[in-house]
C-alpha atoms as a PDB file:
ATOM      1  CA  UNK A   1     -28.861 -14.941  48.008  1.00  0.00           C
ATOM      2  CA  UNK A   2     -25.529 -15.472  49.677  1.00  0.00           C
ATOM      3  CA  UNK A   3     -22.149 -14.083  48.862  1.00  0.00           C
ATOM      4  CA  UNK A   4     -18.911 -15.519  50.250  1.00  0.00           C
ATOM      5  CA  UNK A   5     -16.301 -12.815  50.206  1.00  0.00           C
ATOM      6  CA  UNK A   6     -13.448 -11.534  52.299  1.00  0.00           C
ATOM      7  CA  UNK A   7     -13.666  -8.132  53.824  1.00  0.00           C
ATOM      8  CA  UNK A   8     -10.728  -6.844  51.833  1.00  0.00           C
ATOM      9  CA  UNK A   9     -12.090  -8.053  48.530  1.00  0.00           C
ATOM     10  CA  UNK A  10     -15.438  -6.373  49.122  1.00  0.00           C
ATOM     11  CA  UNK A  11     -13.985  -3.162  50.446  1.00  0.00           C
ATOM     12  CA  UNK A  12     -15.662  -3.688  53.846  1.00  0.00           C
ATOM     13  CA  UNK A  13     -14.167  -2.085  56.919  1.00  0.00           C
ATOM     14  CA  UNK A  14     -12.890  -4.306  59.709  1.00  0.00           C
ATOM     15  CA  UNK A  15     -15.245  -2.430  62.062  1.00  0.00           C
ATOM     16  CA  UNK A  16     -18.320  -3.490  60.111  1.00  0.00           C
ATOM     17  CA  UNK A  17     -21.083  -5.326  62.076  1.00  0.00           C
ATOM     18  CA  UNK A  18     -20.195  -8.820  60.969  1.00  0.00           C
ATOM     19  CA  UNK A  19     -20.241 -11.770  63.305  1.00  0.00           C
ATOM     20  CA  UNK A  20     -22.423 -13.106  66.153  1.00  0.00           C
ATOM     21  CA  UNK A  21     -25.693 -11.251  66.559  1.00  0.00           C
ATOM     22  CA  UNK A  22     -25.319  -9.624  63.190  1.00  0.00           C
ATOM     23  CA  UNK A  23     -27.475 -10.301  60.128  1.00  0.00           C
ATOM     24  CA  UNK A  24     -24.133 -11.021  58.455  1.00  0.00           C
ATOM     25  CA  UNK A  25     -22.598 -13.861  60.522  1.00  0.00           C
ATOM     26  CA  UNK A  26     -19.060 -15.005  60.042  1.00  0.00           C
ATOM     27  CA  UNK A  27     -18.614 -18.442  58.528  1.00  0.00           C
ATOM     28  CA  UNK A  28     -16.325 -19.598  61.302  1.00  0.00           C
ATOM     29  CA  UNK A  29     -13.338 -20.339  59.061  1.00  0.00           C
ATOM     30  CA  UNK A  30     -11.706 -17.026  59.785  1.00  0.00           C
ATOM     31  CA  UNK A  31     -10.927 -16.506  56.118  1.00  0.00           C
ATOM     32  CA  UNK A  32     -14.164 -15.016  54.854  1.00  0.00           C
ATOM     33  CA  UNK A  33     -17.709 -13.967  55.557  1.00  0.00           C
ATOM     34  CA  UNK A  34     -21.039 -15.373  54.427  1.00  0.00           C
ATOM     35  CA  UNK A  35     -23.215 -12.343  53.670  1.00  0.00           C
ATOM     36  CA  UNK A  36     -26.949 -12.949  53.480  1.00  0.00           C
ATOM     37  CA  UNK A  37     -28.138 -10.959  50.513  1.00  0.00           C
ATOM     38  CA  UNK A  38     -24.622 -10.455  49.303  1.00  0.00           C
ATOM     39  CA  UNK A  39     -22.500  -7.358  49.164  1.00  0.00           C
ATOM     40  CA  UNK A  40     -25.272  -5.247  47.570  1.00  0.00           C
ATOM     41  CA  UNK A  41     -27.543  -5.662  50.613  1.00  0.00           C
ATOM     42  CA  UNK A  42     -24.702  -4.975  53.024  1.00  0.00           C
ATOM     43  CA  UNK A  43     -23.793  -1.841  51.091  1.00  0.00           C
ATOM     44  CA  UNK A  44     -27.420  -0.636  51.158  1.00  0.00           C
ATOM     45  CA  UNK A  45     -27.602  -1.014  54.958  1.00  0.00           C
ATOM     46  CA  UNK A  46     -24.066  -0.033  55.950  1.00  0.00           C
ATOM     47  CA  UNK A  47     -22.609   2.185  53.245  1.00  0.00           C
ATOM     48  CA  UNK A  48     -20.332   3.879  55.784  1.00  0.00           C
ATOM     49  CA  UNK A  49     -18.400   0.641  56.192  1.00  0.00           C
ATOM     50  CA  UNK A  50     -17.866   0.097  52.473  1.00  0.00           C
ATOM     51  CA  UNK A  51     -15.290   1.549  50.181  1.00  0.00           C
ATOM     52  CA  UNK A  52     -16.711   3.452  47.235  1.00  0.00           C
ATOM     53  CA  UNK A  53     -15.901   0.943  44.515  1.00  0.00           C
ATOM     54  CA  UNK A  54     -17.967  -0.212  41.586  1.00  0.00           C
ATOM     55  CA  UNK A  55     -19.145  -3.773  41.399  1.00  0.00           C
ATOM     56  CA  UNK A  56     -18.377  -5.790  38.313  1.00  0.00           C
ATOM     57  CA  UNK A  57     -22.038  -5.699  37.329  1.00  0.00           C
ATOM     58  CA  UNK A  58     -21.972  -1.918  37.205  1.00  0.00           C
ATOM     59  CA  UNK A  59     -19.083  -1.815  34.759  1.00  0.00           C
ATOM     60  CA  UNK A  60     -20.516  -1.881  31.265  1.00  0.00           C
ATOM     61  CA  UNK A  61     -18.488  -3.266  28.376  1.00  0.00           C
ATOM     62  CA  UNK A  62     -17.256  -0.762  25.786  1.00  0.00           C
ATOM     63  CA  UNK A  63     -19.612   0.084  23.006  1.00  0.00           C
ATOM     64  CA  UNK A  64     -19.078  -1.463  19.609  1.00  0.00           C
ATOM     65  CA  UNK A  65     -17.983   1.885  18.209  1.00  0.00           C
ATOM     66  CA  UNK A  66     -15.262   2.032  20.849  1.00  0.00           C
ATOM     67  CA  UNK A  67     -14.047  -1.398  19.818  1.00  0.00           C
ATOM     68  CA  UNK A  68     -13.925  -0.255  16.220  1.00  0.00           C
ATOM     69  CA  UNK A  69     -11.933   2.815  17.169  1.00  0.00           C
ATOM     70  CA  UNK A  70      -9.486   0.721  19.174  1.00  0.00           C
ATOM     71  CA  UNK A  71      -8.951  -1.646  16.304  1.00  0.00           C
ATOM     72  CA  UNK A  72      -8.905   0.869  13.461  1.00  0.00           C
ATOM     73  CA  UNK A  73      -5.169   0.574  12.991  1.00  0.00           C
ATOM     74  CA  UNK A  74      -5.424  -3.141  12.270  1.00  0.00           C
ATOM     75  CA  UNK A  75      -8.681  -3.260  10.315  1.00  0.00           C
ATOM     76  CA  UNK A  76      -8.444  -0.023   8.346  1.00  0.00           C
ATOM     77  CA  UNK A  77      -7.785   0.490   4.658  1.00  0.00           C
ATOM     78  CA  UNK A  78      -4.719  -1.438   3.446  1.00  0.00           C
ATOM     79  CA  UNK A  79      -1.719   0.684   2.576  1.00  0.00           C
ATOM     80  CA  UNK A  80      -1.919  -0.140  -1.118  1.00  0.00           C
ATOM     81  CA  UNK A  81      -5.501   1.157  -1.274  1.00  0.00           C
ATOM     82  CA  UNK A  82      -4.921   4.394   0.610  1.00  0.00           C
ATOM     83  CA  UNK A  83      -4.987   7.692  -1.232  1.00  0.00           C
ATOM     84  CA  UNK A  84      -5.704   7.399  -4.923  1.00  0.00           C
ATOM     85  CA  UNK A  85      -4.008   6.487  -8.188  1.00  0.00           C
ATOM     86  CA  UNK A  86      -0.671   8.228  -8.701  1.00  0.00           C
ATOM     87  CA  UNK A  87       0.352  10.088 -11.819  1.00  0.00           C
ATOM     88  CA  UNK A  88       3.372   8.579 -13.544  1.00  0.00           C
ATOM     89  CA  UNK A  89       3.023  10.717 -16.661  1.00  0.00           C
ATOM     90  CA  UNK A  90       0.241  13.192 -17.512  1.00  0.00           C
ATOM     91  CA  UNK A  91      -1.644  10.405 -19.305  1.00  0.00           C
ATOM     92  CA  UNK A  92      -0.469   7.410 -17.250  1.00  0.00           C
ATOM     93  CA  UNK A  93      -1.640   6.509 -13.729  1.00  0.00           C
ATOM     94  CA  UNK A  94      -0.841   3.598 -11.427  1.00  0.00           C
ATOM     95  CA  UNK A  95      -3.132   2.193  -8.750  1.00  0.00           C
ATOM     96  CA  UNK A  96      -4.913  -0.796  -7.240  1.00  0.00           C
ATOM     97  CA  UNK A  97      -8.124  -2.699  -7.907  1.00  0.00           C
ATOM     98  CA  UNK A  98      -9.770  -0.633  -5.176  1.00  0.00           C
ATOM     99  CA  UNK A  99      -8.936   2.558  -7.044  1.00  0.00           C
ATOM    100  CA  UNK A 100     -10.265   1.025 -10.260  1.00  0.00           C
ATOM    101  CA  UNK A 101     -13.572   0.387  -8.488  1.00  0.00           C
ATOM    102  CA  UNK A 102     -13.944   4.010  -7.384  1.00  0.00           C
ATOM    103  CA  UNK A 103     -15.667   5.854 -10.205  1.00  0.00           C
ATOM    104  CA  UNK A 104     -15.453   9.108  -8.298  1.00  0.00           C
ATOM    105  CA  UNK A 105     -11.658   8.855  -8.239  1.00  0.00           C
ATOM    106  CA  UNK A 106     -11.492   7.932 -11.901  1.00  0.00           C
ATOM    107  CA  UNK A 107     -13.687  10.819 -12.986  1.00  0.00           C
ATOM    108  CA  UNK A 108     -11.815  13.289 -10.802  1.00  0.00           C
ATOM    109  CA  UNK A 109      -8.534  12.332 -12.474  1.00  0.00           C
ATOM    110  CA  UNK A 110     -10.038  12.350 -15.950  1.00  0.00           C
ATOM    111  CA  UNK A 111      -9.374   8.640 -16.511  1.00  0.00           C
ATOM    112  CA  UNK A 112     -10.814   7.417 -19.810  1.00  0.00           C
ATOM    113  CA  UNK A 113      -9.337   3.911 -19.996  1.00  0.00           C
ATOM    114  CA  UNK A 114      -8.098   1.156 -17.698  1.00  0.00           C
ATOM    115  CA  UNK A 115      -5.443  -1.502 -18.200  1.00  0.00           C
ATOM    116  CA  UNK A 116      -6.327  -4.409 -15.923  1.00  0.00           C
ATOM    117  CA  UNK A 117      -3.179  -6.481 -15.320  1.00  0.00           C
ATOM    118  CA  UNK A 118      -4.837  -9.460 -13.631  1.00  0.00           C
ATOM    119  CA  UNK A 119      -6.959 -12.462 -14.353  1.00  0.00           C
ATOM    120  CA  UNK A 120      -9.497 -11.970 -11.599  1.00  0.00           C
ATOM    121  CA  UNK A 121     -10.083  -8.240 -10.990  1.00  0.00           C
ATOM    122  CA  UNK A 122     -13.465  -7.225 -12.422  1.00  0.00           C
ATOM    123  CA  UNK A 123     -14.038  -4.382 -14.846  1.00  0.00           C
ATOM    124  CA  UNK A 124     -16.698  -2.441 -12.991  1.00  0.00           C
ATOM    125  CA  UNK A 125     -17.660   0.250 -15.491  1.00  0.00           C
ATOM    126  CA  UNK A 126     -17.364  -1.258 -18.951  1.00  0.00           C
ATOM    127  CA  UNK A 127     -20.108   0.969 -20.253  1.00  0.00           C
ATOM    128  CA  UNK A 128     -18.282   4.110 -19.165  1.00  0.00           C
ATOM    129  CA  UNK A 129     -14.553   3.467 -19.699  1.00  0.00           C
ATOM    130  CA  UNK A 130     -12.394   1.664 -22.220  1.00  0.00           C
ATOM    131  CA  UNK A 131     -10.848  -1.533 -20.839  1.00  0.00           C
ATOM    132  CA  UNK A 132      -8.052  -3.895 -21.741  1.00  0.00           C
ATOM    133  CA  UNK A 133      -7.101  -6.959 -19.710  1.00  0.00           C
ATOM    134  CA  UNK A 134      -3.733  -8.644 -19.414  1.00  0.00           C
ATOM    135  CA  UNK A 135      -4.433 -11.955 -17.614  1.00  0.00           C
ATOM    136  CA  UNK A 136      -1.189 -12.398 -15.702  1.00  0.00           C
ATOM    137  CA  UNK A 137      -0.736 -13.970 -12.283  1.00  0.00           C
ATOM    138  CA  UNK A 138       1.701 -12.506  -9.766  1.00  0.00           C
ATOM    139  CA  UNK A 139       4.078 -15.452  -9.481  1.00  0.00           C
ATOM    140  CA  UNK A 140       7.531 -16.496 -10.656  1.00  0.00           C
ATOM    141  CA  UNK A 141       6.140 -18.617 -13.500  1.00  0.00           C
ATOM    142  CA  UNK A 142       4.202 -15.805 -15.198  1.00  0.00           C
ATOM    143  CA  UNK A 143       5.617 -14.425 -18.442  1.00  0.00           C
ATOM    144  CA  UNK A 144       4.594 -10.792 -18.176  1.00  0.00           C
ATOM    145  CA  UNK A 145       7.218  -9.640 -20.678  1.00  0.00           C
ATOM    146  CA  UNK A 146       5.259 -11.225 -23.530  1.00  0.00           C
ATOM    147  CA  UNK A 147       2.617  -8.567 -22.876  1.00  0.00           C
ATOM    148  CA  UNK A 148       4.934  -5.562 -22.741  1.00  0.00           C
ATOM    149  CA  UNK A 149       4.539  -4.387 -26.335  1.00  0.00           C
ATOM    150  CA  UNK A 150       0.778  -4.921 -26.377  1.00  0.00           C
ATOM    151  CA  UNK A 151       0.435  -2.941 -23.142  1.00  0.00           C
ATOM    152  CA  UNK A 152       2.695  -0.170 -24.436  1.00  0.00           C
ATOM    153  CA  UNK A 153       0.683   0.102 -27.649  1.00  0.00           C
ATOM    154  CA  UNK A 154      -2.544   0.298 -25.658  1.00  0.00           C
ATOM    155  CA  UNK A 155      -1.212   3.077 -23.431  1.00  0.00           C
ATOM    156  CA  UNK A 156      -0.025   4.973 -26.507  1.00  0.00           C
ATOM    157  CA  UNK A 157      -3.427   4.581 -28.165  1.00  0.00           C
ATOM    158  CA  UNK A 158      -5.079   6.200 -25.154  1.00  0.00           C
ATOM    159  CA  UNK A 159      -2.471   8.953 -25.153  1.00  0.00           C
ATOM    160  CA  UNK A 160      -3.005   9.607 -28.882  1.00  0.00           C
ATOM    161  CA  UNK A 161      -6.713  10.092 -28.198  1.00  0.00           C
ATOM    162  CA  UNK A 162      -5.841  12.637 -25.490  1.00  0.00           C
ATOM    163  CA  UNK A 163      -7.103  10.278 -22.817  1.00  0.00           C
ATOM    164  CA  UNK A 164      -5.709   9.013 -19.542  1.00  0.00           C
ATOM    165  CA  UNK A 165      -5.178   5.389 -18.584  1.00  0.00           C
ATOM    166  CA  UNK A 166      -5.061   3.777 -15.155  1.00  0.00           C
ATOM    167  CA  UNK A 167      -2.849   0.693 -15.008  1.00  0.00           C
ATOM    168  CA  UNK A 168      -3.842  -1.511 -12.088  1.00  0.00           C
ATOM    169  CA  UNK A 169      -3.656  -5.034 -10.735  1.00  0.00           C
ATOM    170  CA  UNK A 170      -4.915  -6.211  -7.345  1.00  0.00           C
ATOM    171  CA  UNK A 171      -2.641  -4.152  -5.111  1.00  0.00           C
ATOM    172  CA  UNK A 172      -0.824  -1.913  -7.585  1.00  0.00           C
ATOM    173  CA  UNK A 173       2.508  -3.229  -6.323  1.00  0.00           C
ATOM    174  CA  UNK A 174       3.912  -5.859  -8.696  1.00  0.00           C
ATOM    175  CA  UNK A 175       2.130  -6.526 -12.003  1.00  0.00           C
ATOM    176  CA  UNK A 176       0.835  -3.054 -12.847  1.00  0.00           C
ATOM    177  CA  UNK A 177       4.075  -1.483 -11.619  1.00  0.00           C
ATOM    178  CA  UNK A 178       5.989  -3.782 -13.966  1.00  0.00           C
ATOM    179  CA  UNK A 179       3.939  -2.599 -16.937  1.00  0.00           C
ATOM    180  CA  UNK A 180       4.529   1.061 -16.038  1.00  0.00           C
ATOM    181  CA  UNK A 181       8.255   0.421 -15.726  1.00  0.00           C
ATOM    182  CA  UNK A 182       8.357  -1.291 -19.116  1.00  0.00           C
ATOM    183  CA  UNK A 183       6.519   1.632 -20.677  1.00  0.00           C
ATOM    184  CA  UNK A 184       8.957   4.200 -19.290  1.00  0.00           C
ATOM    185  CA  UNK A 185      11.949   2.135 -20.365  1.00  0.00           C
ATOM    186  CA  UNK A 186      10.631   1.687 -23.892  1.00  0.00           C
ATOM    187  CA  UNK A 187       9.181   5.078 -24.643  1.00  0.00           C
ATOM    188  CA  UNK A 188      11.656   7.236 -22.723  1.00  0.00           C
ATOM    189  CA  UNK A 189      14.725   5.082 -23.409  1.00  0.00           C
ATOM    190  CA  UNK A 190      15.759   4.954 -19.745  1.00  0.00           C
ATOM    191  CA  UNK A 191      17.300   2.146 -17.749  1.00  0.00           C
ATOM    192  CA  UNK A 192      15.358   0.050 -15.283  1.00  0.00           C
ATOM    193  CA  UNK A 193      17.151   1.692 -12.386  1.00  0.00           C
ATOM    194  CA  UNK A 194      16.019   5.166 -13.390  1.00  0.00           C
ATOM    195  CA  UNK A 195      12.466   4.106 -14.190  1.00  0.00           C
ATOM    196  CA  UNK A 196      12.201   2.212 -10.909  1.00  0.00           C
ATOM    197  CA  UNK A 197      13.344   5.157  -8.788  1.00  0.00           C
ATOM    198  CA  UNK A 198      11.049   7.505 -10.690  1.00  0.00           C
ATOM    199  CA  UNK A 199       7.948   5.360 -10.114  1.00  0.00           C
ATOM    200  CA  UNK A 200       8.900   4.572  -6.518  1.00  0.00           C
ATOM    201  CA  UNK A 201       9.038   8.293  -5.762  1.00  0.00           C
ATOM    202  CA  UNK A 202       5.373   8.433  -6.734  1.00  0.00           C
ATOM    203  CA  UNK A 203       4.165   5.113  -5.321  1.00  0.00           C
ATOM    204  CA  UNK A 204       6.606   4.010  -2.662  1.00  0.00           C
ATOM    205  CA  UNK A 205       5.174   0.510  -2.195  1.00  0.00           C
ATOM    206  CA  UNK A 206       5.914  -0.809  -5.683  1.00  0.00           C
ATOM    207  CA  UNK A 207       7.767  -4.127  -5.610  1.00  0.00           C
ATOM    208  CA  UNK A 208       7.687  -6.281  -8.758  1.00  0.00           C
ATOM    209  CA  UNK A 209       8.369  -9.897  -7.918  1.00  0.00           C
ATOM    210  CA  UNK A 210      11.831 -11.327  -8.535  1.00  0.00           C
ATOM    211  CA  UNK A 211      10.859 -12.947 -11.826  1.00  0.00           C
ATOM    212  CA  UNK A 212       9.328  -9.734 -13.154  1.00  0.00           C
ATOM    213  CA  UNK A 213      12.493  -7.833 -12.271  1.00  0.00           C
ATOM    214  CA  UNK A 214      14.510 -10.338 -14.260  1.00  0.00           C
ATOM    215  CA  UNK A 215      12.184  -9.939 -17.238  1.00  0.00           C
ATOM    216  CA  UNK A 216      12.473  -6.152 -16.968  1.00  0.00           C
ATOM    217  CA  UNK A 217      16.279  -6.429 -17.036  1.00  0.00           C
ATOM    218  CA  UNK A 218      16.058  -8.503 -20.198  1.00  0.00           C
ATOM    219  CA  UNK A 219      13.709  -5.937 -21.678  1.00  0.00           C
ATOM    220  CA  UNK A 220      16.184  -3.209 -20.737  1.00  0.00           C
ATOM    221  CA  UNK A 221      18.880  -4.975 -22.761  1.00  0.00           C
ATOM    222  CA  UNK A 222      16.580  -5.071 -25.782  1.00  0.00           C
ATOM    223  CA  UNK A 223      15.651  -1.407 -25.409  1.00  0.00           C
ATOM    224  CA  UNK A 224      19.274  -0.321 -25.042  1.00  0.00           C
ATOM    225  CA  UNK A 225      20.337  -2.491 -27.965  1.00  0.00           C
ATOM    226  CA  UNK A 226      17.728  -0.802 -30.128  1.00  0.00           C
ATOM    227  CA  UNK A 227      18.860   2.619 -28.941  1.00  0.00           C
ATOM    228  CA  UNK A 228      22.474   1.766 -29.714  1.00  0.00           C
ATOM    229  CA  UNK A 229      21.544   0.568 -33.202  1.00  0.00           C
ATOM    230  CA  UNK A 230      19.662   3.792 -33.904  1.00  0.00           C
ATOM    231  CA  UNK A 231      22.546   5.876 -32.623  1.00  0.00           C
ATOM    232  CA  UNK A 232      25.063   3.923 -34.692  1.00  0.00           C
ATOM    233  CA  UNK A 233      22.946   4.376 -37.812  1.00  0.00           C
ATOM    234  CA  UNK A 234      22.701   8.151 -37.365  1.00  0.00           C
ATOM    235  CA  UNK A 235      24.809  10.234 -39.815  1.00  0.00           C
ATOM    236  CA  UNK A 236      28.281  10.916 -38.399  1.00  0.00           C
ATOM    237  CA  UNK A 237      29.180  14.518 -37.693  1.00  0.00           C
ATOM    238  CA  UNK A 238      32.111  16.493 -36.393  1.00  0.00           C
ATOM    239  CA  UNK A 239      33.548  15.101 -33.189  1.00  0.00           C
ATOM    240  CA  UNK A 240      32.585  18.228 -31.285  1.00  0.00           C
ATOM    241  CA  UNK A 241      28.970  17.990 -32.416  1.00  0.00           C
ATOM    242  CA  UNK A 242      28.812  14.273 -31.652  1.00  0.00           C
ATOM    243  CA  UNK A 243      30.216  14.847 -28.179  1.00  0.00           C
ATOM    244  CA  UNK A 244      27.769  17.645 -27.591  1.00  0.00           C
ATOM    245  CA  UNK A 245      24.866  15.488 -28.740  1.00  0.00           C
ATOM    246  CA  UNK A 246      25.885  12.619 -26.481  1.00  0.00           C
ATOM    247  CA  UNK A 247      25.727  14.835 -23.410  1.00  0.00           C
ATOM    248  CA  UNK A 248      22.293  16.238 -24.263  1.00  0.00           C
ATOM    249  CA  UNK A 249      19.163  14.389 -23.145  1.00  0.00           C
ATOM    250  CA  UNK A 250      17.506  12.678 -26.105  1.00  0.00           C
ATOM    251  CA  UNK A 251      14.046  12.801 -24.532  1.00  0.00           C
ATOM    252  CA  UNK A 252      11.873  15.206 -22.620  1.00  0.00           C
ATOM    253  CA  UNK A 253      11.587  12.760 -19.721  1.00  0.00           C
ATOM    254  CA  UNK A 254      12.838  14.731 -16.739  1.00  0.00           C
ATOM    255  CA  UNK A 255      12.894  13.444 -13.165  1.00  0.00           C
ATOM    256  CA  UNK A 256      11.769  15.837 -10.487  1.00  0.00           C
ATOM    257  CA  UNK A 257      13.411  14.293  -7.420  1.00  0.00           C
ATOM    258  CA  UNK A 258      16.746  15.169  -5.763  1.00  0.00           C
ATOM    259  CA  UNK A 259      19.831  13.726  -7.390  1.00  0.00           C
ATOM    260  CA  UNK A 260      22.461  11.889  -5.361  1.00  0.00           C
ATOM    261  CA  UNK A 261      25.962  10.783  -6.323  1.00  0.00           C
ATOM    262  CA  UNK A 262      25.922   8.738  -9.512  1.00  0.00           C
ATOM    263  CA  UNK A 263      26.835   5.075  -9.560  1.00  0.00           C
ATOM    264  CA  UNK A 264      27.656   4.989 -13.275  1.00  0.00           C
ATOM    265  CA  UNK A 265      30.555   6.651 -15.025  1.00  0.00           C
ATOM    266  CA  UNK A 266      29.113   6.482 -18.525  1.00  0.00           C
ATOM    267  CA  UNK A 267      27.161   9.434 -19.960  1.00  0.00           C
ATOM    268  CA  UNK A 268      23.407   9.200 -19.561  1.00  0.00           C
ATOM    269  CA  UNK A 269      20.379  11.173 -20.585  1.00  0.00           C
ATOM    270  CA  UNK A 270      19.276  11.257 -16.969  1.00  0.00           C
ATOM    271  CA  UNK A 271      21.018  11.516 -13.591  1.00  0.00           C
ATOM    272  CA  UNK A 272      21.333   8.268 -11.633  1.00  0.00           C
ATOM    273  CA  UNK A 273      20.300   7.493  -8.101  1.00  0.00           C
ATOM    274  CA  UNK A 274      21.687   4.810  -5.831  1.00  0.00           C
ATOM    275  CA  UNK A 275      19.761   1.599  -6.354  1.00  0.00           C
ATOM    276  CA  UNK A 276      20.274  -2.093  -5.580  1.00  0.00           C
ATOM    277  CA  UNK A 277      19.233  -2.927  -9.134  1.00  0.00           C
ATOM    278  CA  UNK A 278      22.006  -3.999 -11.506  1.00  0.00           C
ATOM    279  CA  UNK A 279      21.434  -2.707 -15.002  1.00  0.00           C
ATOM    280  CA  UNK A 280      22.984  -3.448 -18.338  1.00  0.00           C
ATOM    281  CA  UNK A 281      25.819  -1.248 -19.594  1.00  0.00           C
ATOM    282  CA  UNK A 282      24.930   1.598 -21.896  1.00  0.00           C
ATOM    283  CA  UNK A 283      26.206   2.026 -25.430  1.00  0.00           C
END
């Protein structure tokens, strides 16, 4: 075995016995040394002339567990699957397909029914929970608004049975969030802006696609139009009483997050937060 190395590369002292008459003759080029037996043999016979460095063969690669630990930040649980389903209302939860597949999470939260807003997420525990599917894709062509009333009725049916429903899609970001927003707007008579900020405070990653946001704005107009019609049909009373009624919240839906300066000048049942969403005018 021969090893062609320079003295500096091998950590060999310039005073080492290399050259004529030595078992480690120089190669004559002046740039390196041909070591019979290689550096390992030279080190075994003349350790005092060698620097205490490890050879490449003695450096073992990191264990697989170390590689996993180094890469945990990139291959860990996706953000939308972290934690568990979030409570929107005492009977309404929002989460992802991963959460819907965790029976331990569902049982801990007291979930009795699931609303699957996708066409491909499986229903894992059909013998244990009540299921309803809304086969909608997360794209700009999908008409999710045509399912709003059916979804709202299903959530109410679970509520009326004193159950709890988890609304989920694949990631719990767009489709299922849209359904939860529609439910809040319809049942609590709030604008999209308020519903959006309320849900985002609980699940910060929600982001309905652009088309869904447009459909929610149209739904808001319908909800507000209905509210205005009901208010107009109510028996008229003294001006003082009517003014007092208009400044009193008409629902028990109360937000529990800090209030900032309002962006609307019209009276509302709930305080407004700054939001990039443009909503329809109130009555």
